[in-house]
Amino acid sequence: MRVVLYIAVGLLLVSCTSNTIYKKPENLIPKDSMVSLLTDMYIASSAKNQKNKFLQREKNYVVLVYEKYKIDSTRFDLSNAYYTSKVDEYTDILKRVKSNIDSLDVLYREEQSVKDSLKRLEGKVKLNKDSLYKKKLLPKEIPNELLNNKGKIKGKT
């Protein structure tokens, strides 16, 4: 009885492995387009819980990706199923997608760093009229009520 059980479990395990490769669909999305599409899909799906510039949460940005590439979800699903059945090709596609996302991350972080640096500089360099007048960078168009009798700004020595 034990031998029969071992044989049954062995056959079950062997029969469960599947190396099914789907046939190529007629309207297959090309590999390069699939890389761009998946890059945008991952970004869209990760942005699902972020607020947009109108402080609203868009429920499904993936629809916008479909519109951008002029495809429907069925075509994407068929192409994705085909590529996932070919593990080596899909691994290559995902590596390229990861590279694209990492490049975008670096680009946006550098851009944000530049913006932050400019904000910090604006905070440190407070341009006041007095320092600019003393350096003669601005014309002296100071209203008379702000000037004292010596021609200097009231309250300044």
N, C-alpha and C. Protein backbone atom coordinates (compact mmCIF):
# COMPACT_ATOMS: atom_id res chain seq x y z
N MET A 1 0.82 -1.19 0.00
CA MET A 1 0.00 0.00 0.00
C MET A 1 0.87 1.26 0.00
N ARG A 2 1.96 1.20 0.73
CA ARG A 2 2.85 2.34 0.81
C ARG A 2 3.49 2.63 -0.55
N VAL A 3 3.84 1.62 -1.26
CA VAL A 3 4.47 1.78 -2.58
C VAL A 3 3.51 2.46 -3.55
N VAL A 4 2.25 2.08 -3.50
CA VAL A 4 1.25 2.67 -4.37
C VAL A 4 1.09 4.16 -4.04
N LEU A 5 1.12 4.50 -2.77
CA LEU A 5 1.02 5.90 -2.36
C LEU A 5 2.20 6.71 -2.88
N TYR A 6 3.41 6.18 -2.76
CA TYR A 6 4.60 6.88 -3.26
C TYR A 6 4.53 7.05 -4.78
N ILE A 7 4.08 6.05 -5.48
CA ILE A 7 3.97 6.14 -6.94
C ILE A 7 2.92 7.19 -7.32
N ALA A 8 1.80 7.23 -6.61
CA ALA A 8 0.73 8.19 -6.89
C ALA A 8 1.22 9.62 -6.65
N VAL A 9 1.92 9.86 -5.54
CA VAL A 9 2.46 11.19 -5.23
C VAL A 9 3.50 11.58 -6.27
N GLY A 10 4.36 10.65 -6.65
CA GLY A 10 5.37 10.92 -7.67
C GLY A 10 4.76 11.29 -9.00
N LEU A 11 3.75 10.54 -9.44
CA LEU A 11 3.06 10.86 -10.69
C LEU A 11 2.35 12.20 -10.62
N LEU A 12 1.79 12.51 -9.47
CA LEU A 12 1.11 13.79 -9.29
C LEU A 12 2.10 14.94 -9.43
N LEU A 13 3.25 14.81 -8.80
CA LEU A 13 4.25 15.88 -8.88
C LEU A 13 4.79 16.04 -10.31
N VAL A 14 5.03 14.96 -10.98
CA VAL A 14 5.56 15.02 -12.34
C VAL A 14 4.51 15.60 -13.30
N SER A 15 3.28 15.26 -13.10
CA SER A 15 2.24 15.74 -14.01
C SER A 15 1.89 17.20 -13.78
N CYS A 16 2.25 17.76 -12.62
CA CYS A 16 1.92 19.15 -12.33
C CYS A 16 2.87 20.13 -13.00
N THR A 17 4.05 19.69 -13.36
CA THR A 17 4.97 20.63 -14.02
C THR A 17 4.49 20.87 -15.43
N SER A 18 4.48 22.12 -15.81
CA SER A 18 3.98 22.47 -17.14
C SER A 18 4.94 23.45 -17.79
N ASN A 19 5.38 23.14 -18.94
CA ASN A 19 6.22 24.03 -19.72
C ASN A 19 5.46 24.45 -20.97
N THR A 20 4.25 24.91 -20.76
CA THR A 20 3.40 25.28 -21.87
C THR A 20 3.90 26.58 -22.48
N ILE A 21 4.13 26.58 -23.76
CA ILE A 21 4.47 27.80 -24.49
C ILE A 21 3.29 28.09 -25.40
N TYR A 22 2.69 29.23 -25.16
CA TYR A 22 1.52 29.60 -25.94
C TYR A 22 1.94 29.93 -27.37
N LYS A 23 1.01 29.73 -28.29
CA LYS A 23 1.34 30.10 -29.66
C LYS A 23 1.29 31.62 -29.80
N LYS A 24 2.07 32.10 -30.72
CA LYS A 24 2.22 33.54 -30.91
C LYS A 24 0.90 34.14 -31.38
N PRO A 25 0.37 35.13 -30.64
CA PRO A 25 -0.88 35.75 -31.07
C PRO A 25 -0.68 36.59 -32.34
N GLU A 26 -1.74 36.77 -33.09
CA GLU A 26 -1.68 37.54 -34.32
C GLU A 26 -1.29 39.00 -34.08
N ASN A 27 -1.83 39.58 -33.04
CA ASN A 27 -1.57 40.99 -32.76
C ASN A 27 -0.62 41.14 -31.57
N LEU A 28 0.48 40.41 -31.61
CA LEU A 28 1.47 40.44 -30.54
C LEU A 28 2.12 41.82 -30.46
N ILE A 29 2.24 42.33 -29.25
CA ILE A 29 2.93 43.60 -29.03
C ILE A 29 4.43 43.34 -29.18
N PRO A 30 5.12 44.12 -30.00
CA PRO A 30 6.57 43.90 -30.17
C PRO A 30 7.32 44.05 -28.84
N LYS A 31 8.47 43.42 -28.78
CA LYS A 31 9.25 43.35 -27.54
C LYS A 31 9.61 44.75 -27.02
N ASP A 32 10.07 45.64 -27.90
CA ASP A 32 10.45 46.99 -27.47
C ASP A 32 9.24 47.77 -26.95
N SER A 33 8.11 47.62 -27.63
CA SER A 33 6.90 48.29 -27.16
C SER A 33 6.43 47.70 -25.84
N MET A 34 6.64 46.41 -25.68
CA MET A 34 6.24 45.74 -24.44
C MET A 34 7.07 46.27 -23.26
N VAL A 35 8.35 46.55 -23.51
CA VAL A 35 9.21 47.11 -22.46
C VAL A 35 8.67 48.47 -22.03
N SER A 36 8.39 49.33 -23.00
CA SER A 36 7.85 50.66 -22.68
C SER A 36 6.49 50.57 -22.01
N LEU A 37 5.66 49.67 -22.52
CA LEU A 37 4.32 49.48 -21.96
C LEU A 37 4.39 49.01 -20.51
N LEU A 38 5.22 48.01 -20.24
CA LEU A 38 5.34 47.51 -18.87
C LEU A 38 5.95 48.55 -17.94
N THR A 39 6.89 49.35 -18.45
CA THR A 39 7.45 50.43 -17.63
C THR A 39 6.34 51.37 -17.19
N ASP A 40 5.53 51.80 -18.15
CA ASP A 40 4.43 52.71 -17.82
C ASP A 40 3.38 52.03 -16.93
N MET A 41 3.16 50.74 -17.15
CA MET A 41 2.18 50.00 -16.33
C MET A 41 2.63 49.94 -14.87
N TYR A 42 3.91 49.66 -14.65
CA TYR A 42 4.41 49.60 -13.28
C TYR A 42 4.33 50.97 -12.60
N ILE A 43 4.65 52.00 -13.34
CA ILE A 43 4.55 53.35 -12.78
C ILE A 43 3.10 53.69 -12.48
N ALA A 44 2.20 53.35 -13.41
CA ALA A 44 0.77 53.64 -13.21
C ALA A 44 0.21 52.87 -12.02
N SER A 45 0.60 51.62 -11.89
CA SER A 45 0.06 50.84 -10.78
C SER A 45 0.64 51.30 -9.44
N SER A 46 1.87 51.80 -9.44
CA SER A 46 2.43 52.28 -8.18
C SER A 46 1.89 53.66 -7.81
N ALA A 47 1.39 54.40 -8.80
CA ALA A 47 0.84 55.73 -8.54
C ALA A 47 -0.63 55.68 -8.14
N LYS A 48 -1.18 54.50 -8.02
CA LYS A 48 -2.61 54.36 -7.74
C LYS A 48 -3.03 55.07 -6.45
N ASN A 49 -2.18 55.06 -5.43
CA ASN A 49 -2.55 55.64 -4.14
C ASN A 49 -2.02 57.05 -3.95
N GLN A 50 -1.41 57.62 -4.98
CA GLN A 50 -0.89 58.98 -4.89
C GLN A 50 -1.94 59.97 -5.39
N LYS A 51 -1.90 61.18 -4.83
CA LYS A 51 -2.84 62.21 -5.28
C LYS A 51 -2.23 62.93 -6.48
N ASN A 52 -3.10 63.33 -7.42
CA ASN A 52 -2.62 64.07 -8.58
C ASN A 52 -2.56 65.56 -8.26
N LYS A 53 -2.28 66.39 -9.27
CA LYS A 53 -2.12 67.82 -9.01
C LYS A 53 -3.42 68.50 -8.59
N PHE A 54 -4.54 67.86 -8.79
CA PHE A 54 -5.83 68.40 -8.35
C PHE A 54 -6.23 67.84 -6.99
N LEU A 55 -5.27 67.18 -6.31
CA LEU A 55 -5.47 66.57 -5.00
C LEU A 55 -6.58 65.53 -5.01
N GLN A 56 -6.66 64.80 -6.09
CA GLN A 56 -7.63 63.72 -6.22
C GLN A 56 -6.87 62.43 -6.51
N ARG A 57 -7.45 61.34 -6.08
CA ARG A 57 -6.87 60.04 -6.39
C ARG A 57 -7.57 59.47 -7.61
N GLU A 58 -6.79 59.23 -8.64
CA GLU A 58 -7.33 58.59 -9.85
C GLU A 58 -7.46 57.12 -9.54
N LYS A 59 -8.58 56.54 -9.87
CA LYS A 59 -8.80 55.15 -9.50
C LYS A 59 -7.97 54.18 -10.32
N ASN A 60 -7.79 54.46 -11.62
CA ASN A 60 -7.10 53.50 -12.45
C ASN A 60 -6.30 54.20 -13.54
N TYR A 61 -5.01 54.37 -13.31
CA TYR A 61 -4.14 55.00 -14.29
C TYR A 61 -3.80 54.03 -15.43
N VAL A 62 -4.01 52.74 -15.23
CA VAL A 62 -3.68 51.75 -16.24
C VAL A 62 -4.48 52.00 -17.52
N VAL A 63 -5.69 52.47 -17.38
CA VAL A 63 -6.53 52.78 -18.54
C VAL A 63 -5.85 53.85 -19.39
N LEU A 64 -5.21 54.81 -18.74
CA LEU A 64 -4.50 55.86 -19.47
C LEU A 64 -3.31 55.29 -20.24
N VAL A 65 -2.67 54.27 -19.68
CA VAL A 65 -1.56 53.62 -20.38
C VAL A 65 -2.07 52.89 -21.61
N TYR A 66 -3.21 52.21 -21.48
CA TYR A 66 -3.81 51.56 -22.64
C TYR A 66 -4.13 52.57 -23.73
N GLU A 67 -4.65 53.72 -23.34
CA GLU A 67 -4.97 54.76 -24.32
C GLU A 67 -3.70 55.30 -24.98
N LYS A 68 -2.66 55.46 -24.20
CA LYS A 68 -1.40 56.00 -24.74
C LYS A 68 -0.84 55.09 -25.83
N TYR A 69 -0.89 53.79 -25.62
CA TYR A 69 -0.34 52.83 -26.58
C TYR A 69 -1.38 52.32 -27.58
N LYS A 70 -2.58 52.83 -27.46
CA LYS A 70 -3.69 52.46 -28.37
C LYS A 70 -3.88 50.94 -28.44
N ILE A 71 -3.96 50.34 -27.27
CA ILE A 71 -4.24 48.90 -27.18
C ILE A 71 -5.38 48.68 -26.21
N ASP A 72 -5.90 47.48 -26.18
CA ASP A 72 -6.91 47.14 -25.18
C ASP A 72 -6.34 46.09 -24.23
N SER A 73 -7.06 45.84 -23.17
CA SER A 73 -6.55 44.93 -22.14
C SER A 73 -6.42 43.50 -22.66
N THR A 74 -7.27 43.11 -23.58
CA THR A 74 -7.20 41.76 -24.14
C THR A 74 -5.90 41.55 -24.91
N ARG A 75 -5.54 42.53 -25.73
CA ARG A 75 -4.29 42.42 -26.49
C ARG A 75 -3.10 42.37 -25.55
N PHE A 76 -3.13 43.20 -24.51
CA PHE A 76 -2.04 43.18 -23.54
C PHE A 76 -1.98 41.82 -22.84
N ASP A 77 -3.12 41.31 -22.41
CA ASP A 77 -3.14 40.02 -21.70
C ASP A 77 -2.61 38.89 -22.57
N LEU A 78 -3.00 38.85 -23.84
CA LEU A 78 -2.51 37.81 -24.75
C LEU A 78 -1.00 37.93 -24.96
N SER A 79 -0.53 39.15 -25.18
CA SER A 79 0.90 39.35 -25.39
C SER A 79 1.69 39.03 -24.12
N ASN A 80 1.17 39.45 -22.99
CA ASN A 80 1.85 39.19 -21.72
C ASN A 80 1.90 37.69 -21.43
N ALA A 81 0.81 36.99 -21.70
CA ALA A 81 0.79 35.54 -21.49
C ALA A 81 1.80 34.85 -22.41
N TYR A 82 1.90 35.31 -23.64
CA TYR A 82 2.86 34.73 -24.58
C TYR A 82 4.29 34.94 -24.08
N TYR A 83 4.60 36.18 -23.69
CA TYR A 83 5.97 36.46 -23.23
C TYR A 83 6.30 35.75 -21.91
N THR A 84 5.32 35.61 -21.02
CA THR A 84 5.59 34.92 -19.76
C THR A 84 5.80 33.43 -19.98
N SER A 85 5.27 32.90 -21.05
CA SER A 85 5.51 31.47 -21.32
C SER A 85 6.92 31.25 -21.84
N LYS A 86 7.56 32.27 -22.33
CA LYS A 86 8.96 32.20 -22.77
C LYS A 86 9.80 32.92 -21.71
N VAL A 87 10.24 32.16 -20.73
CA VAL A 87 10.87 32.71 -19.53
C VAL A 87 12.09 33.56 -19.85
N ASP A 88 12.94 33.11 -20.76
CA ASP A 88 14.16 33.86 -21.07
C ASP A 88 13.85 35.23 -21.67
N GLU A 89 12.91 35.26 -22.60
CA GLU A 89 12.53 36.54 -23.21
C GLU A 89 11.89 37.47 -22.18
N TYR A 90 11.03 36.92 -21.35
CA TYR A 90 10.33 37.75 -20.35
C TYR A 90 11.31 38.27 -19.30
N THR A 91 12.30 37.46 -18.95
CA THR A 91 13.33 37.91 -18.02
C THR A 91 14.10 39.09 -18.61
N ASP A 92 14.44 38.99 -19.90
CA ASP A 92 15.12 40.09 -20.58
C ASP A 92 14.25 41.35 -20.59
N ILE A 93 12.97 41.18 -20.88
CA ILE A 93 12.04 42.31 -20.89
C ILE A 93 11.99 42.97 -19.52
N LEU A 94 11.87 42.15 -18.47
CA LEU A 94 11.76 42.70 -17.11
C LEU A 94 13.06 43.39 -16.67
N LYS A 95 14.20 42.88 -17.11
CA LYS A 95 15.48 43.55 -16.80
C LYS A 95 15.51 44.93 -17.44
N ARG A 96 15.04 45.02 -18.68
CA ARG A 96 15.01 46.31 -19.36
C ARG A 96 14.02 47.27 -18.71
N VAL A 97 12.89 46.73 -18.26
CA VAL A 97 11.90 47.55 -17.55
C VAL A 97 12.50 48.10 -16.26
N LYS A 98 13.18 47.25 -15.52
CA LYS A 98 13.82 47.68 -14.27
C LYS A 98 14.87 48.75 -14.55
N SER A 99 15.63 48.58 -15.61
CA SER A 99 16.64 49.57 -15.99
C SER A 99 15.98 50.91 -16.32
N ASN A 100 14.86 50.87 -17.05
CA ASN A 100 14.13 52.10 -17.37
C ASN A 100 13.61 52.80 -16.12
N ILE A 101 13.05 52.03 -15.22
CA ILE A 101 12.50 52.62 -13.99
C ILE A 101 13.63 53.20 -13.12
N ASP A 102 14.75 52.49 -13.04
CA ASP A 102 15.89 53.01 -12.28
C ASP A 102 16.42 54.30 -12.90
N SER A 103 16.47 54.36 -14.23
CA SER A 103 16.93 55.57 -14.91
C SER A 103 15.99 56.74 -14.63
N LEU A 104 14.70 56.48 -14.69
CA LEU A 104 13.73 57.54 -14.39
C LEU A 104 13.84 57.99 -12.94
N ASP A 105 14.07 57.05 -12.04
CA ASP A 105 14.22 57.38 -10.63
C ASP A 105 15.42 58.31 -10.42
N VAL A 106 16.55 57.97 -11.04
CA VAL A 106 17.75 58.81 -10.92
C VAL A 106 17.49 60.19 -11.50
N LEU A 107 16.84 60.24 -12.66
CA LEU A 107 16.55 61.51 -13.31
C LEU A 107 15.68 62.40 -12.43
N TYR A 108 14.60 61.85 -11.89
CA TYR A 108 13.70 62.66 -11.07
C TYR A 108 14.31 63.02 -9.72
N ARG A 109 15.14 62.17 -9.17
CA ARG A 109 15.82 62.52 -7.92
C ARG A 109 16.81 63.65 -8.13
N GLU A 110 17.53 63.63 -9.26
CA GLU A 110 18.46 64.73 -9.57
C GLU A 110 17.70 66.03 -9.78
N GLU A 111 16.58 65.95 -10.49
CA GLU A 111 15.76 67.13 -10.73
C GLU A 111 15.23 67.69 -9.41
N GLN A 112 14.78 66.82 -8.52
CA GLN A 112 14.29 67.27 -7.22
C GLN A 112 15.42 67.85 -6.39
N SER A 113 16.61 67.28 -6.50
CA SER A 113 17.77 67.80 -5.77
C SER A 113 18.10 69.22 -6.22
N VAL A 114 18.04 69.46 -7.52
CA VAL A 114 18.30 70.80 -8.04
C VAL A 114 17.25 71.78 -7.52
N LYS A 115 15.99 71.38 -7.53
CA LYS A 115 14.92 72.25 -7.03
C LYS A 115 15.11 72.55 -5.54
N ASP A 116 15.48 71.52 -4.77
CA ASP A 116 15.71 71.72 -3.34
C ASP A 116 16.88 72.65 -3.10
N SER A 117 17.94 72.52 -3.90
CA SER A 117 19.10 73.39 -3.75
C SER A 117 18.73 74.84 -4.03
N LEU A 118 17.93 75.06 -5.06
CA LEU A 118 17.50 76.42 -5.38
C LEU A 118 16.64 77.01 -4.27
N LYS A 119 15.78 76.18 -3.69
CA LYS A 119 14.95 76.68 -2.57
C LYS A 119 15.82 77.04 -1.38
N ARG A 120 16.83 76.20 -1.10
CA ARG A 120 17.73 76.50 0.02
C ARG A 120 18.50 77.79 -0.24
N LEU A 121 18.95 78.00 -1.47
CA LEU A 121 19.67 79.22 -1.80
C LEU A 121 18.78 80.44 -1.65
N GLU A 122 17.54 80.32 -2.09
CA GLU A 122 16.61 81.43 -1.94
C GLU A 122 16.39 81.77 -0.47
N GLY A 123 16.38 80.77 0.37
CA GLY A 123 16.20 81.00 1.80
C GLY A 123 17.41 81.65 2.42
N LYS A 124 18.61 81.30 1.97
CA LYS A 124 19.84 81.88 2.54
C LYS A 124 20.09 83.28 2.06
N VAL A 125 19.83 83.52 0.80
CA VAL A 125 20.11 84.83 0.22
C VAL A 125 18.81 85.62 0.24
N LYS A 126 18.63 86.37 1.28
CA LYS A 126 17.44 87.21 1.37
C LYS A 126 17.83 88.58 0.86
N LEU A 127 17.29 88.91 -0.26
CA LEU A 127 17.60 90.20 -0.86
C LEU A 127 16.70 91.25 -0.24
N ASN A 128 17.32 92.16 0.48
CA ASN A 128 16.52 93.26 0.99
C ASN A 128 16.93 94.53 0.26
N LYS A 129 16.06 95.47 0.22
CA LYS A 129 16.30 96.69 -0.55
C LYS A 129 17.50 97.45 -0.05
N ASP A 130 17.74 97.45 1.26
CA ASP A 130 18.85 98.22 1.81
C ASP A 130 20.18 97.76 1.25
N SER A 131 20.42 96.47 1.24
CA SER A 131 21.70 95.98 0.75
C SER A 131 21.85 96.25 -0.74
N LEU A 132 20.76 96.20 -1.48
CA LEU A 132 20.84 96.47 -2.91
C LEU A 132 21.07 97.94 -3.19
N TYR A 133 20.48 98.83 -2.37
CA TYR A 133 20.69 100.26 -2.56
C TYR A 133 22.12 100.64 -2.22
N LYS A 134 22.66 100.05 -1.14
CA LYS A 134 24.03 100.35 -0.76
C LYS A 134 25.01 99.93 -1.84
N LYS A 135 24.71 98.83 -2.52
CA LYS A 135 25.60 98.35 -3.58
C LYS A 135 25.26 99.01 -4.92
N LYS A 136 24.28 99.90 -4.90
CA LYS A 136 23.84 100.63 -6.09
C LYS A 136 23.40 99.68 -7.21
N LEU A 137 22.70 98.62 -6.82
CA LEU A 137 22.18 97.69 -7.81
C LEU A 137 20.79 98.09 -8.27
N LEU A 138 20.07 98.83 -7.43
CA LEU A 138 18.74 99.29 -7.79
C LEU A 138 18.72 100.81 -7.77
N PRO A 139 17.92 101.41 -8.62
CA PRO A 139 17.81 102.87 -8.57
C PRO A 139 17.14 103.30 -7.26
N LYS A 140 17.47 104.48 -6.80
CA LYS A 140 16.92 104.96 -5.54
C LYS A 140 15.55 105.58 -5.78
N GLU A 141 14.55 104.73 -5.77
CA GLU A 141 13.17 105.19 -5.91
C GLU A 141 12.44 104.88 -4.61
N ILE A 142 12.89 105.51 -3.55
CA ILE A 142 12.30 105.27 -2.25
C ILE A 142 11.35 106.43 -1.96
N PRO A 143 10.13 106.10 -1.59
CA PRO A 143 9.18 107.18 -1.27
C PRO A 143 9.72 108.08 -0.15
N ASN A 144 9.40 109.37 -0.23
CA ASN A 144 9.90 110.35 0.73
C ASN A 144 9.49 110.05 2.16
N GLU A 145 8.32 109.46 2.38
CA GLU A 145 7.87 109.19 3.75
C GLU A 145 8.72 108.11 4.42
N LEU A 146 9.48 107.32 3.66
CA LEU A 146 10.36 106.32 4.25
C LEU A 146 11.75 106.86 4.53
N LEU A 147 12.04 108.05 4.01
CA LEU A 147 13.38 108.63 4.19
C LEU A 147 13.39 109.59 5.37
N ASN A 148 14.51 109.61 6.10
CA ASN A 148 14.66 110.61 7.15
C ASN A 148 15.28 111.85 6.53
N ASN A 149 15.60 112.84 7.34
CA ASN A 149 16.08 114.12 6.80
C ASN A 149 17.48 114.02 6.21
N LYS A 150 18.23 112.95 6.47
CA LYS A 150 19.57 112.80 5.91
C LYS A 150 19.56 112.01 4.59
N GLY A 151 18.39 111.63 4.13
CA GLY A 151 18.29 110.90 2.88
C GLY A 151 18.45 109.39 3.03
N LYS A 152 18.48 108.92 4.29
CA LYS A 152 18.60 107.48 4.51
C LYS A 152 17.24 106.94 4.91
N ILE A 153 17.11 105.63 4.81
CA ILE A 153 15.84 104.98 5.16
C ILE A 153 15.65 105.06 6.66
N LYS A 154 14.43 105.44 7.09
CA LYS A 154 14.12 105.55 8.51
C LYS A 154 14.35 104.23 9.23
N GLY A 155 14.88 104.31 10.42
CA GLY A 155 15.09 103.10 11.22
C GLY A 155 16.43 102.45 10.93
N LYS A 156 17.14 102.88 9.92
CA LYS A 156 18.46 102.34 9.58
C LYS A 156 19.51 103.35 9.98
N THR A 157 20.64 102.88 10.45
CA THR A 157 21.72 103.80 10.84
C THR A 157 22.82 103.84 9.81
